[in-house]
Protein backbone atom coordinates (compact mmCIF):
# COMPACT_ATOMS: atom_id res chain seq x y z
CA MET A 1 66.19 155.30 95.41
CA LEU A 2 65.57 152.01 97.24
CA ARG A 3 62.74 150.50 95.69
CA PRO A 4 60.35 149.38 98.20
CA LEU A 5 60.46 145.42 99.07
CA THR A 6 64.24 145.89 98.22
CA PHE A 7 64.34 149.20 101.54
CA LEU A 8 62.27 146.49 103.14
CA ALA A 9 64.69 143.54 102.65
CA ALA A 10 67.58 146.19 103.98
CA VAL A 11 65.90 147.34 107.07
CA GLY A 12 65.28 143.22 108.01
CA LEU A 13 69.47 143.18 107.50
CA ALA A 14 70.14 146.06 109.71
CA LEU A 15 67.77 144.53 111.88
CA THR A 16 69.57 141.29 112.59
CA GLY A 17 71.57 142.14 115.47
CA CYS A 18 69.43 144.03 117.79
CA ASP A 19 68.57 142.51 121.54
CA ALA A 20 65.32 143.36 123.02
CA SER A 21 65.83 143.73 126.36
CA ASP A 22 63.08 143.42 129.72
CA ALA A 23 60.12 145.40 130.06
CA GLU A 24 58.84 147.08 132.61
CA THR A 25 56.46 145.20 135.26
CA ASP A 26 53.72 148.07 134.45
CA THR A 27 54.34 148.46 130.72
CA PRO A 28 52.40 147.06 128.00
CA ALA A 29 53.88 143.37 126.48
CA PRO A 30 54.29 144.12 122.37
CA PRO A 31 53.25 141.78 119.97
CA ALA A 32 55.50 138.71 120.27
CA VAL A 33 58.12 137.49 118.19
CA ALA A 34 56.98 134.42 117.75
CA ALA A 35 53.61 135.64 116.38
CA PHE A 36 55.36 136.02 113.80
CA VAL A 37 57.22 132.95 112.89
CA LEU A 38 56.26 129.89 110.81
CA ASP A 39 58.96 127.30 111.79
CA THR A 40 59.83 124.77 107.91
CA ASP A 41 63.45 124.56 108.74
CA ALA A 42 62.79 120.54 109.58
CA PHE A 43 62.42 120.48 105.31
CA PRO A 44 65.70 121.51 103.40
CA SER A 45 66.63 122.65 100.38
CA ASP A 46 65.57 121.18 97.03
CA GLY A 47 69.48 120.11 96.64
CA ALA A 48 69.27 117.96 99.68
CA ARG A 49 66.33 116.30 99.11
CA VAL A 50 67.43 113.94 96.19
CA ALA A 51 68.32 111.54 98.36
CA SER A 52 64.41 111.15 99.92
CA GLY A 53 61.90 109.46 99.30
CA ALA A 54 58.39 110.26 97.05
CA HIS A 55 56.56 111.49 100.28
CA PHE A 56 59.17 114.07 101.75
CA ILE A 57 59.63 115.30 98.93
CA ASN A 58 56.26 115.68 98.06
CA ALA A 59 55.48 117.62 101.40
CA ALA A 60 58.92 119.79 100.92
CA ALA A 61 57.62 120.84 97.53
CA ARG A 62 54.37 122.48 99.19
CA VAL A 63 55.85 123.50 102.06
CA GLY A 64 58.55 125.50 99.95
CA ILE A 65 55.24 126.95 98.05
CA VAL A 66 54.17 128.47 101.46
CA SER A 67 57.21 129.49 102.53
CA THR A 68 57.47 131.22 98.97
CA VAL A 69 53.65 132.69 99.24
CA VAL A 70 53.36 133.83 102.98
CA GLY A 71 57.01 132.89 104.86
CA LEU A 72 58.40 136.13 102.64
CA HIS A 73 56.22 138.34 104.43
CA LEU A 74 58.00 137.26 107.89
CA VAL A 75 61.44 137.99 107.61
CA LEU A 76 60.89 141.60 109.15
CA PRO A 77 58.60 142.27 111.67
CA GLY A 78 59.62 139.83 114.06
CA ALA A 79 62.91 141.67 114.17
CA ALA A 80 61.64 144.99 113.58
CA THR A 81 59.21 144.77 116.82
CA GLU A 82 62.32 143.17 119.09
CA ALA A 83 64.08 146.42 117.91
CA VAL A 84 62.36 148.89 118.16
CA THR A 85 61.44 147.40 121.89
CA ALA A 86 64.74 147.20 122.96
CA ASP A 87 64.47 150.67 124.85
CA SER A 88 61.84 151.89 127.07
CA PRO A 89 59.27 153.25 126.00
CA THR A 90 57.46 157.10 127.36
CA VAL A 91 53.67 157.13 127.44
CA THR A 92 51.61 160.03 126.27
CA ALA A 93 47.51 160.30 126.85
CA GLY A 94 47.18 156.33 127.42
CA VAL A 95 49.68 155.55 124.41
CA TRP A 96 52.56 153.83 124.96
CA MET A 97 55.40 154.42 122.37
CA TRP A 98 58.71 152.64 121.77
CA GLU A 99 61.24 154.41 118.87
CA ALA A 100 64.63 153.09 117.43
CA THR A 101 66.94 154.54 114.82
CA THR A 102 69.01 151.93 112.50
CA ALA A 103 71.05 152.74 109.74
CA VAL A 104 70.49 151.10 106.06
CA ASN A 105 73.37 151.76 103.25
CA GLY A 106 74.72 154.46 105.93
CA THR A 107 70.74 155.87 105.91
CA PRO A 108 68.92 156.04 108.82
CA ILE A 109 65.33 154.67 109.26
CA ASP A 110 63.24 155.20 112.15
CA LEU A 111 61.04 152.98 113.34
CA ALA A 112 57.84 153.64 115.68
CA LEU A 113 56.06 151.22 117.62
CA GLU A 114 52.55 152.71 119.34
CA GLY A 115 50.54 150.12 121.79
CA THR A 116 46.94 151.89 122.85
CA PRO A 117 45.72 149.89 125.60
CA GLU A 118 41.66 149.21 125.60
CA GLY A 119 40.19 147.19 128.20
CA SER A 120 41.27 144.17 128.23
CA SER A 121 43.62 144.48 124.97
CA ILE A 122 46.17 146.60 123.60
CA ASP A 123 45.81 148.18 119.88
CA TRP A 124 49.31 148.20 118.49
CA ARG A 125 50.66 149.89 115.30
CA LEU A 126 54.25 150.04 113.62
CA VAL A 127 55.69 152.52 111.84
CA VAL A 128 58.58 152.90 110.05
CA THR A 129 60.06 155.97 108.25
CA GLY A 130 62.44 155.43 105.63
CA PRO A 131 64.86 157.76 103.26
CA GLU A 132 62.21 159.62 101.48
CA GLY A 133 60.92 160.74 104.80
CA ASP A 134 57.32 159.01 104.46
CA PRO A 135 56.00 157.90 107.63
CA PHE A 136 54.37 153.97 106.38
CA THR A 137 52.46 151.55 108.49
CA TYR A 138 53.96 148.12 108.51
CA TYR A 139 52.06 146.05 110.78
CA THR A 140 48.75 146.67 113.17
CA ALA A 141 47.63 144.18 115.75
CA THR A 142 45.56 143.18 118.78
CA THR A 143 46.63 141.95 121.47
CA GLY A 144 45.71 140.52 124.57
CA LEU A 145 47.91 142.48 127.81
CA ASP A 146 50.67 139.54 127.59
CA GLY A 147 51.00 140.72 124.11
CA GLU A 148 50.67 136.71 122.96
CA THR A 149 47.81 135.68 121.53
CA GLY A 150 45.62 138.22 119.06
CA THR A 151 45.29 139.08 115.50
CA TRP A 152 47.80 141.38 113.34
CA ARG A 153 47.93 142.76 109.83
CA LEU A 154 50.84 143.10 107.45
CA PHE A 155 51.07 145.78 105.13
CA ALA A 156 53.33 146.47 102.09
CA PRO A 157 54.47 149.54 100.42
CA ASP A 158 53.83 149.29 97.25
CA ALA A 159 50.28 147.30 98.42
CA ASP A 160 46.91 148.27 98.73
CA GLY A 161 45.66 146.97 101.66
CA PRO A 162 47.20 143.78 103.66
CA VAL A 163 49.71 141.17 102.15
CA LEU A 164 48.97 139.04 104.66
CA THR A 165 46.81 138.32 107.83
CA ALA A 166 47.10 136.35 110.92
CA SER A 167 45.56 135.44 114.47
CA PHE A 168 47.93 133.66 116.88
CA ASP A 169 48.63 131.73 120.41
CA VAL A 170 52.32 131.59 121.63
CA ARG A 171 51.90 131.74 125.19
CA ASP A 172 53.44 128.33 125.28
CA LEU A 173 56.27 127.77 123.05
CA ASP A 174 56.12 123.65 122.86
CA ASP A 175 52.03 124.36 122.57
CA ARG A 176 51.23 127.10 120.30
CA GLU A 177 49.29 127.71 117.21
CA LEU A 178 49.20 130.72 114.34
CA THR A 179 46.99 130.74 111.45
CA PHE A 180 48.62 132.83 108.13
CA ARG A 181 45.81 133.82 105.56
CA VAL A 182 46.35 135.58 101.96
CA PRO A 183 43.67 138.00 101.68
CA ALA A 184 41.14 138.20 98.77
CA GLY A 185 42.68 139.77 96.15
CA ARG A 186 46.51 138.92 96.42
CA ASP A 187 48.37 135.87 94.35
CA HIS A 188 46.63 132.89 95.90
CA GLY A 189 44.14 134.69 97.59
CA GLY A 190 41.83 133.51 100.20
CA SER A 191 44.80 130.53 100.90
CA SER A 192 45.67 130.08 104.48
CA VAL A 193 47.79 127.30 106.39
CA ARG A 194 47.69 126.50 110.01
CA TYR A 195 50.67 125.92 112.12
CA ALA A 196 50.91 124.14 115.33
CA THR A 197 53.11 122.90 117.70
CA ASP A 198 52.66 119.82 120.56
CA GLY A 199 55.60 119.37 122.00
CA ASP A 200 58.04 118.20 119.27
CA GLU A 201 55.32 117.58 116.67
CA ARG A 202 55.00 119.97 114.33
CA THR A 203 51.55 120.63 112.12
CA PHE A 204 51.25 122.37 108.86
CA ASP A 205 48.06 122.80 107.71
CA TRP A 206 47.53 125.00 104.43
CA THR A 207 44.34 125.51 102.24
CA ASP A 208 45.64 126.74 98.58
CA GLN A 209 43.17 128.81 96.33
CA PRO A 210 41.40 129.14 94.41
CA THR A 211 41.84 125.41 93.74
CA GLY A 212 40.68 124.45 97.47
CA ASP A 213 43.56 121.80 97.10
CA ARG A 214 44.34 121.05 101.28
CA ALA A 215 47.48 118.78 102.25
CA LEU A 216 48.30 118.06 106.24
CA ILE A 217 51.74 117.60 106.36
CA VAL A 218 52.57 116.45 110.46
CA TRP A 219 56.19 115.88 111.43
CA ASP A 220 58.62 114.95 114.44
CA ASP A 221 60.91 118.27 114.70
CA ALA A 222 63.73 115.83 116.88
CA THR A 223 63.70 113.27 114.26
CA ARG A 224 62.41 114.78 111.18
CA ALA A 225 59.95 111.72 110.50
CA GLY A 226 56.33 112.67 109.42
CA SER A 227 53.35 112.13 106.66
CA ILE A 228 51.52 114.13 103.63
CA THR A 229 47.97 113.42 104.15
CA ALA A 230 46.88 115.89 100.56
CA ASP A 231 44.33 116.14 97.93
CA THR A 232 45.79 115.37 95.20
CA TYR A 233 48.66 113.11 96.01
CA TYR A 234 48.20 109.19 96.82
CA GLY A 235 44.92 108.92 96.06
CA GLY A 236 44.04 111.12 99.21
CA ASP A 237 45.93 108.51 102.02
CA ARG A 238 48.22 109.38 104.35
CA ALA A 239 51.22 108.73 103.11
CA CYS A 240 54.56 108.14 105.52
CA TRP A 241 58.19 108.40 105.60
CA ASP A 242 61.10 107.38 108.57
CA GLU A 243 63.94 109.52 109.89
CA ASP A 244 65.91 108.71 107.35
CA LEU A 245 63.40 110.71 104.64
CA ASP A 246 62.70 107.20 103.20
CA ASP A 247 59.19 106.27 102.30
CA VAL A 248 57.90 103.39 104.99
CA ALA A 249 54.68 102.12 105.78
CA CYS A 250 52.10 104.29 108.41
CA ASP A 251 51.76 103.62 111.43
């Protein structure tokens, strides 16, 4: 028997190769895959930071914490949404339904995405049915008609209530904004991270709870030069690094 988190991880691996086809013009747009993305690729693994300056290392450590707290939950929902919407939907009594089946270790896994239009918005529910045959609501969402603005709530089989929530506006990938929040009662409950793009500039604004510590990390996606301004680092002053990740004076 697969444990809940192991099962979800296996589903993610099975979905990696799935491609979505273009939606029909009269079909509501599902939640955008970009609504489930926190891009921190500019910060490599610990082993790659050895030759870096202290400012980059401190920023990377904080990003690493968030990648554990938040990023772990973001591995699957975008892939599942892309996989289940690869085929055309059906509509019954005003409810749109996408369905797909994938295999995990030879066991069929069913995915179902329901979209219910409500005026100028759409309510969504993604249901996963695993080897034991019990349907599980993986996420719920409310989006605009384009699927690129809105909110979502993500669930886990072994947890009561949502494990992560978000609000997002990803209409322009060069100018997008997502805010992820950890619900009360979880590890780091009440913490939040705002991730935004402005051309090549990336902003990562993390507030950790229950300490209330805040870290604002800004970097250039092309050069990787950036800065950190944190309550508990460098006296709270802005600290910068260059494209070689070495400490430099801030402009």
